[in-house]
Amino acid sequence: MAWDWVVPVAASGFGALVGVSGIVASFKTSERSRQHAENLAKERHRHELELAKQKSEHDLRLAREQRRQERQAVAYAEILKEVQRVSFWANASHPKEALDKDDAPKHLHLVTDPAADALLRTYGSNEVIDLFDTWRTSVQDILKSFHLLKIDLNADPVSRQLNGKQTSQEWSRLYNELVPAENTAKDTLTKRIQQELQAVE
């Protein structure tokens, strides 16, 4: 009878131990759940920040590309306007009139103007730059021919008679080779610019 109290006390002590263990385990589980939730929240926040950053960078790239395309379209329109003007002048002019007229420098500025060249080389594609250079060379060839023919047109009758065959060949070269070459170069350049502008619409 003296030992009867041991079993109930031991049982209640064991029960208390189990209860404390349960409380500790529950606390640890709760703490782990809280930390897991915090980690998930932090990870979600980090992910949302990363997505926002990527979207911001993407929007910035799109805005820059749109501005570049708008500037390119303006540059191309300006270049085409001048190309058409010079081409019309070169095709419609008589060599003497072409070089004597006051508006000749206005038409020819595109052939030598560094600002137009810089505009094209800043916003133009490599293909357009190459085609523009081809067109410009064809205009320069026409100019050289104009100068040669103007010299002959201003020469005295004896010199003109002596150079008759050469002059005749130069007239033929101007209208049978140089002017058609300029027209082809202009048309090719125009088509390429139109293709590039349509591709970005």
C-alpha atoms as a PDB file:
ATOM      1  CA  MET A   1       0.000   0.000   0.000  1.00  0.00           C
ATOM      2  CA  ALA A   2       2.940   2.176   0.557  1.00  0.00           C
ATOM      3  CA  TRP A   3       3.696   1.959  -3.158  1.00  0.00           C
ATOM      4  CA  ASP A   4       0.183   2.549  -4.411  1.00  0.00           C
ATOM      5  CA  TRP A   5       0.804   6.201  -4.936  1.00  0.00           C
ATOM      6  CA  VAL A   6       3.763   5.575  -7.340  1.00  0.00           C
ATOM      7  CA  VAL A   7       1.680   4.378 -10.279  1.00  0.00           C
ATOM      8  CA  PRO A   8      -0.768   7.309 -10.278  1.00  0.00           C
ATOM      9  CA  VAL A   9       2.031   9.836  -9.767  1.00  0.00           C
ATOM     10  CA  ALA A  10       4.142   8.221 -12.442  1.00  0.00           C
ATOM     11  CA  ALA A  11       1.165   8.147 -14.770  1.00  0.00           C
ATOM     12  CA  SER A  12       0.351  11.775 -14.109  1.00  0.00           C
ATOM     13  CA  GLY A  13       4.044  12.697 -14.464  1.00  0.00           C
ATOM     14  CA  PHE A  14       4.177  10.800 -17.723  1.00  0.00           C
ATOM     15  CA  GLY A  15       0.967  12.515 -18.794  1.00  0.00           C
ATOM     16  CA  ALA A  16       2.467  15.875 -17.884  1.00  0.00           C
ATOM     17  CA  LEU A  17       5.615  14.982 -19.838  1.00  0.00           C
ATOM     18  CA  VAL A  18       3.531  13.965 -22.839  1.00  0.00           C
ATOM     19  CA  GLY A  19       1.524  17.164 -22.492  1.00  0.00           C
ATOM     20  CA  VAL A  20       4.655  19.321 -22.307  1.00  0.00           C
ATOM     21  CA  SER A  21       6.148  17.408 -25.232  1.00  0.00           C
ATOM     22  CA  GLY A  22       2.938  18.026 -27.181  1.00  0.00           C
ATOM     23  CA  ILE A  23       3.059  21.705 -26.362  1.00  0.00           C
ATOM     24  CA  VAL A  24       6.731  21.935 -27.403  1.00  0.00           C
ATOM     25  CA  ALA A  25       6.063  19.977 -30.581  1.00  0.00           C
ATOM     26  CA  SER A  26       3.052  22.111 -31.359  1.00  0.00           C
ATOM     27  CA  PHE A  27       5.088  25.273 -30.777  1.00  0.00           C
ATOM     28  CA  LYS A  28       7.886  24.017 -33.003  1.00  0.00           C
ATOM     29  CA  THR A  29       5.405  23.074 -35.712  1.00  0.00           C
ATOM     30  CA  SER A  30       3.737  26.439 -35.399  1.00  0.00           C
ATOM     31  CA  GLU A  31       7.139  28.196 -35.556  1.00  0.00           C
ATOM     32  CA  ARG A  32       8.123  26.199 -38.641  1.00  0.00           C
ATOM     33  CA  SER A  33       4.790  27.000 -40.287  1.00  0.00           C
ATOM     34  CA  ARG A  34       5.244  30.700 -39.520  1.00  0.00           C
ATOM     35  CA  GLN A  35       8.799  30.709 -40.901  1.00  0.00           C
ATOM     36  CA  HIS A  36       7.647  28.798 -43.976  1.00  0.00           C
ATOM     37  CA  ALA A  37       4.853  31.328 -44.532  1.00  0.00           C
ATOM     38  CA  GLU A  38       7.332  34.196 -44.094  1.00  0.00           C
ATOM     39  CA  ASN A  39       9.760  32.563 -46.532  1.00  0.00           C
ATOM     40  CA  LEU A  40       6.948  32.059 -49.041  1.00  0.00           C
ATOM     41  CA  ALA A  41       5.873  35.678 -48.642  1.00  0.00           C
ATOM     42  CA  LYS A  42       9.466  36.878 -49.087  1.00  0.00           C
ATOM     43  CA  GLU A  43       9.932  34.653 -52.126  1.00  0.00           C
ATOM     44  CA  ARG A  44       6.630  35.857 -53.619  1.00  0.00           C
ATOM     45  CA  HIS A  45       7.628  39.462 -52.962  1.00  0.00           C
ATOM     46  CA  ARG A  46      11.075  38.907 -54.531  1.00  0.00           C
ATOM     47  CA  HIS A  47       9.445  37.224 -57.527  1.00  0.00           C
ATOM     48  CA  GLU A  48       6.931  40.068 -57.943  1.00  0.00           C
ATOM     49  CA  LEU A  49       9.767  42.606 -57.774  1.00  0.00           C
ATOM     50  CA  GLU A  50      11.711  40.650 -60.395  1.00  0.00           C
ATOM     51  CA  LEU A  51       8.654  40.499 -62.666  1.00  0.00           C
ATOM     52  CA  ALA A  52       8.028  44.221 -62.200  1.00  0.00           C
ATOM     53  CA  LYS A  53      11.687  44.942 -63.019  1.00  0.00           C
ATOM     54  CA  GLN A  54      11.558  42.748 -66.134  1.00  0.00           C
ATOM     55  CA  LYS A  55       8.321  44.418 -67.263  1.00  0.00           C
ATOM     56  CA  SER A  56       9.809  47.848 -66.672  1.00  0.00           C
ATOM     57  CA  GLU A  57      12.944  46.949 -68.665  1.00  0.00           C
ATOM     58  CA  HIS A  58      10.782  45.442 -71.419  1.00  0.00           C
ATOM     59  CA  ASP A  59       8.582  48.555 -71.557  1.00  0.00           C
ATOM     60  CA  LEU A  60      11.692  50.741 -71.688  1.00  0.00           C
ATOM     61  CA  ARG A  61      13.153  48.678 -74.548  1.00  0.00           C
ATOM     62  CA  LEU A  62       9.843  48.879 -76.416  1.00  0.00           C
ATOM     63  CA  ALA A  63       9.660  52.646 -75.908  1.00  0.00           C
ATOM     64  CA  ARG A  64      13.244  53.083 -77.129  1.00  0.00           C
ATOM     65  CA  GLU A  65      12.615  50.877 -80.149  1.00  0.00           C
ATOM     66  CA  GLN A  66       9.433  52.784 -80.948  1.00  0.00           C
ATOM     67  CA  ARG A  67      11.289  56.114 -80.724  1.00  0.00           C
ATOM     68  CA  ARG A  68      14.065  54.728 -82.943  1.00  0.00           C
ATOM     69  CA  GLN A  69      11.510  53.546 -85.510  1.00  0.00           C
ATOM     70  CA  GLU A  70       9.735  56.909 -85.448  1.00  0.00           C
ATOM     71  CA  ARG A  71      13.029  58.754 -85.962  1.00  0.00           C
ATOM     72  CA  GLN A  72      13.997  56.329 -88.705  1.00  0.00           C
ATOM     73  CA  ALA A  73      10.658  56.925 -90.454  1.00  0.00           C
ATOM     74  CA  VAL A  74      11.189  60.699 -90.279  1.00  0.00           C
ATOM     75  CA  ALA A  75      14.776  60.343 -91.546  1.00  0.00           C
ATOM     76  CA  TYR A  76      13.682  58.046 -94.386  1.00  0.00           C
ATOM     77  CA  ALA A  77      10.869  60.398 -95.404  1.00  0.00           C
ATOM     78  CA  GLU A  78      13.289  63.339 -95.462  1.00  0.00           C
ATOM     79  CA  ILE A  79      15.879  61.396 -97.456  1.00  0.00           C
ATOM     80  CA  LEU A  80      13.266  60.146 -99.958  1.00  0.00           C
ATOM     81  CA  LYS A  81      11.904  63.651-100.475  1.00  0.00           C
ATOM     82  CA  GLU A  82      15.386  64.936-101.311  1.00  0.00           C
ATOM     83  CA  VAL A  83      16.220  61.911-103.475  1.00  0.00           C
ATOM     84  CA  GLN A  84      13.071  62.488-105.531  1.00  0.00           C
ATOM     85  CA  ARG A  85      13.862  66.193-105.881  1.00  0.00           C
ATOM     86  CA  VAL A  86      17.448  65.583-107.033  1.00  0.00           C
ATOM     87  CA  SER A  87      16.344  62.784-109.359  1.00  0.00           C
ATOM     88  CA  PHE A  88      13.695  64.968-110.990  1.00  0.00           C
ATOM     89  CA  TRP A  89      16.244  67.768-111.419  1.00  0.00           C
ATOM     90  CA  ALA A  90      18.860  65.415-112.923  1.00  0.00           C
ATOM     91  CA  ASN A  91      16.355  63.810-115.313  1.00  0.00           C
ATOM     92  CA  ALA A  92      14.665  67.008-116.461  1.00  0.00           C
ATOM     93  CA  SER A  93      17.678  69.264-116.844  1.00  0.00           C
ATOM     94  CA  HIS A  94      19.803  70.163-119.817  1.00  0.00           C
ATOM     95  CA  PRO A  95      23.480  70.200-118.731  1.00  0.00           C
ATOM     96  CA  LYS A  96      23.971  73.930-119.310  1.00  0.00           C
ATOM     97  CA  GLU A  97      20.692  74.904-117.672  1.00  0.00           C
ATOM     98  CA  ALA A  98      21.213  72.430-114.834  1.00  0.00           C
ATOM     99  CA  LEU A  99      24.490  74.027-113.776  1.00  0.00           C
ATOM    100  CA  ASP A 100      23.517  77.644-114.500  1.00  0.00           C
ATOM    101  CA  LYS A 101      20.221  77.647-112.634  1.00  0.00           C
ATOM    102  CA  ASP A 102      20.120  79.203-109.174  1.00  0.00           C
ATOM    103  CA  ASP A 103      18.371  76.187-107.660  1.00  0.00           C
ATOM    104  CA  ALA A 104      21.129  73.735-108.633  1.00  0.00           C
ATOM    105  CA  PRO A 105      22.878  73.964-105.232  1.00  0.00           C
ATOM    106  CA  LYS A 106      19.542  73.362-103.481  1.00  0.00           C
ATOM    107  CA  HIS A 107      19.040  70.168-105.425  1.00  0.00           C
ATOM    108  CA  LEU A 108      22.595  68.972-105.133  1.00  0.00           C
ATOM    109  CA  HIS A 109      23.112  69.542-101.410  1.00  0.00           C
ATOM    110  CA  LEU A 110      22.011  65.981-100.652  1.00  0.00           C
ATOM    111  CA  VAL A 111      24.851  64.558-102.696  1.00  0.00           C
ATOM    112  CA  THR A 112      27.492  66.253-100.554  1.00  0.00           C
ATOM    113  CA  ASP A 113      25.620  67.400 -97.417  1.00  0.00           C
ATOM    114  CA  PRO A 114      27.196  65.915 -94.252  1.00  0.00           C
ATOM    115  CA  ALA A 115      23.981  66.527 -92.248  1.00  0.00           C
ATOM    116  CA  ALA A 116      21.922  64.355 -94.609  1.00  0.00           C
ATOM    117  CA  ASP A 117      24.652  61.742 -94.549  1.00  0.00           C
ATOM    118  CA  ALA A 118      24.747  61.773 -90.731  1.00  0.00           C
ATOM    119  CA  LEU A 119      20.951  61.505 -90.561  1.00  0.00           C
ATOM    120  CA  LEU A 120      20.954  58.460 -92.789  1.00  0.00           C
ATOM    121  CA  ARG A 121      23.915  56.784 -91.087  1.00  0.00           C
ATOM    122  CA  THR A 122      22.366  57.309 -87.660  1.00  0.00           C
ATOM    123  CA  TYR A 123      18.921  55.859 -88.414  1.00  0.00           C
ATOM    124  CA  GLY A 124      19.286  53.961 -91.679  1.00  0.00           C
ATOM    125  CA  SER A 125      19.800  50.247 -92.068  1.00  0.00           C
ATOM    126  CA  ASN A 126      22.997  48.988 -93.708  1.00  0.00           C
ATOM    127  CA  GLU A 127      21.034  48.024 -96.815  1.00  0.00           C
ATOM    128  CA  VAL A 128      19.504  51.490 -97.168  1.00  0.00           C
ATOM    129  CA  ILE A 129      22.893  53.160 -96.601  1.00  0.00           C
ATOM    130  CA  ASP A 130      24.476  51.003 -99.323  1.00  0.00           C
ATOM    131  CA  LEU A 131      21.629  51.733-101.756  1.00  0.00           C
ATOM    132  CA  PHE A 132      21.813  55.454-100.971  1.00  0.00           C
ATOM    133  CA  ASP A 133      25.575  55.431-101.653  1.00  0.00           C
ATOM    134  CA  THR A 134      24.916  53.700-105.000  1.00  0.00           C
ATOM    135  CA  TRP A 135      22.294  56.304-105.878  1.00  0.00           C
ATOM    136  CA  ARG A 136      24.585  59.172-104.821  1.00  0.00           C
ATOM    137  CA  THR A 137      27.389  57.804-107.027  1.00  0.00           C
ATOM    138  CA  SER A 138      24.994  57.717-109.975  1.00  0.00           C
ATOM    139  CA  VAL A 139      24.085  61.388-109.382  1.00  0.00           C
ATOM    140  CA  GLN A 140      27.768  62.295-109.118  1.00  0.00           C
ATOM    141  CA  ASP A 141      28.342  60.559-112.481  1.00  0.00           C
ATOM    142  CA  ILE A 142      25.543  62.660-114.010  1.00  0.00           C
ATOM    143  CA  LEU A 143      27.101  65.811-112.550  1.00  0.00           C
ATOM    144  CA  LYS A 144      30.472  64.987-114.099  1.00  0.00           C
ATOM    145  CA  SER A 145      28.788  64.444-117.423  1.00  0.00           C
ATOM    146  CA  PHE A 146      26.907  67.763-117.061  1.00  0.00           C
ATOM    147  CA  HIS A 147      30.195  69.545-116.392  1.00  0.00           C
ATOM    148  CA  LEU A 148      31.890  67.992-119.439  1.00  0.00           C
ATOM    149  CA  LEU A 149      28.969  68.867-121.689  1.00  0.00           C
ATOM    150  CA  LYS A 150      28.702  72.387-120.296  1.00  0.00           C
ATOM    151  CA  ILE A 151      32.386  72.978-121.076  1.00  0.00           C
ATOM    152  CA  ASP A 152      31.724  71.900-124.638  1.00  0.00           C
ATOM    153  CA  LEU A 153      28.540  73.972-124.902  1.00  0.00           C
ATOM    154  CA  ASN A 154      30.474  77.049-123.746  1.00  0.00           C
ATOM    155  CA  ALA A 155      33.425  76.365-126.059  1.00  0.00           C
ATOM    156  CA  ASP A 156      34.057  78.223-129.290  1.00  0.00           C
ATOM    157  CA  PRO A 157      32.753  76.649-132.514  1.00  0.00           C
ATOM    158  CA  VAL A 158      36.201  75.355-133.593  1.00  0.00           C
ATOM    159  CA  SER A 159      36.763  73.520-130.276  1.00  0.00           C
ATOM    160  CA  ARG A 160      33.273  72.121-130.433  1.00  0.00           C
ATOM    161  CA  GLN A 161      33.880  70.801-133.926  1.00  0.00           C
ATOM    162  CA  LEU A 162      37.168  69.190-132.844  1.00  0.00           C
ATOM    163  CA  ASN A 163      35.500  67.525-129.863  1.00  0.00           C
ATOM    164  CA  GLY A 164      32.358  66.592-131.788  1.00  0.00           C
ATOM    165  CA  LYS A 165      32.733  62.821-131.547  1.00  0.00           C
ATOM    166  CA  GLN A 166      33.615  62.897-127.845  1.00  0.00           C
ATOM    167  CA  THR A 167      30.724  65.238-127.131  1.00  0.00           C
ATOM    168  CA  SER A 168      28.328  63.039-129.058  1.00  0.00           C
ATOM    169  CA  GLN A 169      29.498  59.999-127.074  1.00  0.00           C
ATOM    170  CA  GLU A 170      29.071  61.898-123.794  1.00  0.00           C
ATOM    171  CA  TRP A 171      25.501  62.915-124.710  1.00  0.00           C
ATOM    172  CA  SER A 172      24.744  59.304-125.540  1.00  0.00           C
ATOM    173  CA  ARG A 173      26.336  58.063-122.323  1.00  0.00           C
ATOM    174  CA  LEU A 174      24.388  60.626-120.276  1.00  0.00           C
ATOM    175  CA  TYR A 175      20.951  59.703-121.592  1.00  0.00           C
ATOM    176  CA  ASN A 176      21.470  56.009-122.383  1.00  0.00           C
ATOM    177  CA  GLU A 177      23.524  54.960-119.343  1.00  0.00           C
ATOM    178  CA  LEU A 178      23.808  57.511-116.564  1.00  0.00           C
ATOM    179  CA  VAL A 179      20.216  58.754-116.317  1.00  0.00           C
ATOM    180  CA  PRO A 180      18.734  55.207-116.485  1.00  0.00           C
ATOM    181  CA  ALA A 181      21.276  54.062-113.864  1.00  0.00           C
ATOM    182  CA  GLU A 182      20.185  56.898-111.559  1.00  0.00           C
ATOM    183  CA  ASN A 183      16.521  55.997-112.053  1.00  0.00           C
ATOM    184  CA  THR A 184      17.189  52.345-111.251  1.00  0.00           C
ATOM    185  CA  ALA A 185      19.222  53.259-108.149  1.00  0.00           C
ATOM    186  CA  LYS A 186      16.484  55.654-106.990  1.00  0.00           C
ATOM    187  CA  ASP A 187      13.724  53.068-107.508  1.00  0.00           C
ATOM    188  CA  THR A 188      15.682  50.347-105.681  1.00  0.00           C
ATOM    189  CA  LEU A 189      16.394  52.677-102.754  1.00  0.00           C
ATOM    190  CA  THR A 190      12.752  53.797-102.597  1.00  0.00           C
ATOM    191  CA  LYS A 191      11.450  50.211-102.596  1.00  0.00           C
ATOM    192  CA  ARG A 192      13.843  49.168 -99.838  1.00  0.00           C
ATOM    193  CA  ILE A 193      12.827  52.109 -97.634  1.00  0.00           C
ATOM    194  CA  GLN A 194       9.142  51.333 -98.224  1.00  0.00           C
ATOM    195  CA  GLN A 195       9.723  47.681 -97.267  1.00  0.00           C
ATOM    196  CA  GLU A 196      11.472  48.644 -94.040  1.00  0.00           C
ATOM    197  CA  LEU A 197       8.776  51.152 -93.087  1.00  0.00           C
ATOM    198  CA  GLN A 198       5.981  48.651 -93.807  1.00  0.00           C
ATOM    199  CA  ALA A 199       7.756  45.972 -91.744  1.00  0.00           C
ATOM    200  CA  VAL A 200       7.505  48.082 -88.561  1.00  0.00           C
ATOM    201  CA  GLU A 201       3.846  49.092 -88.933  1.00  0.00           C
END
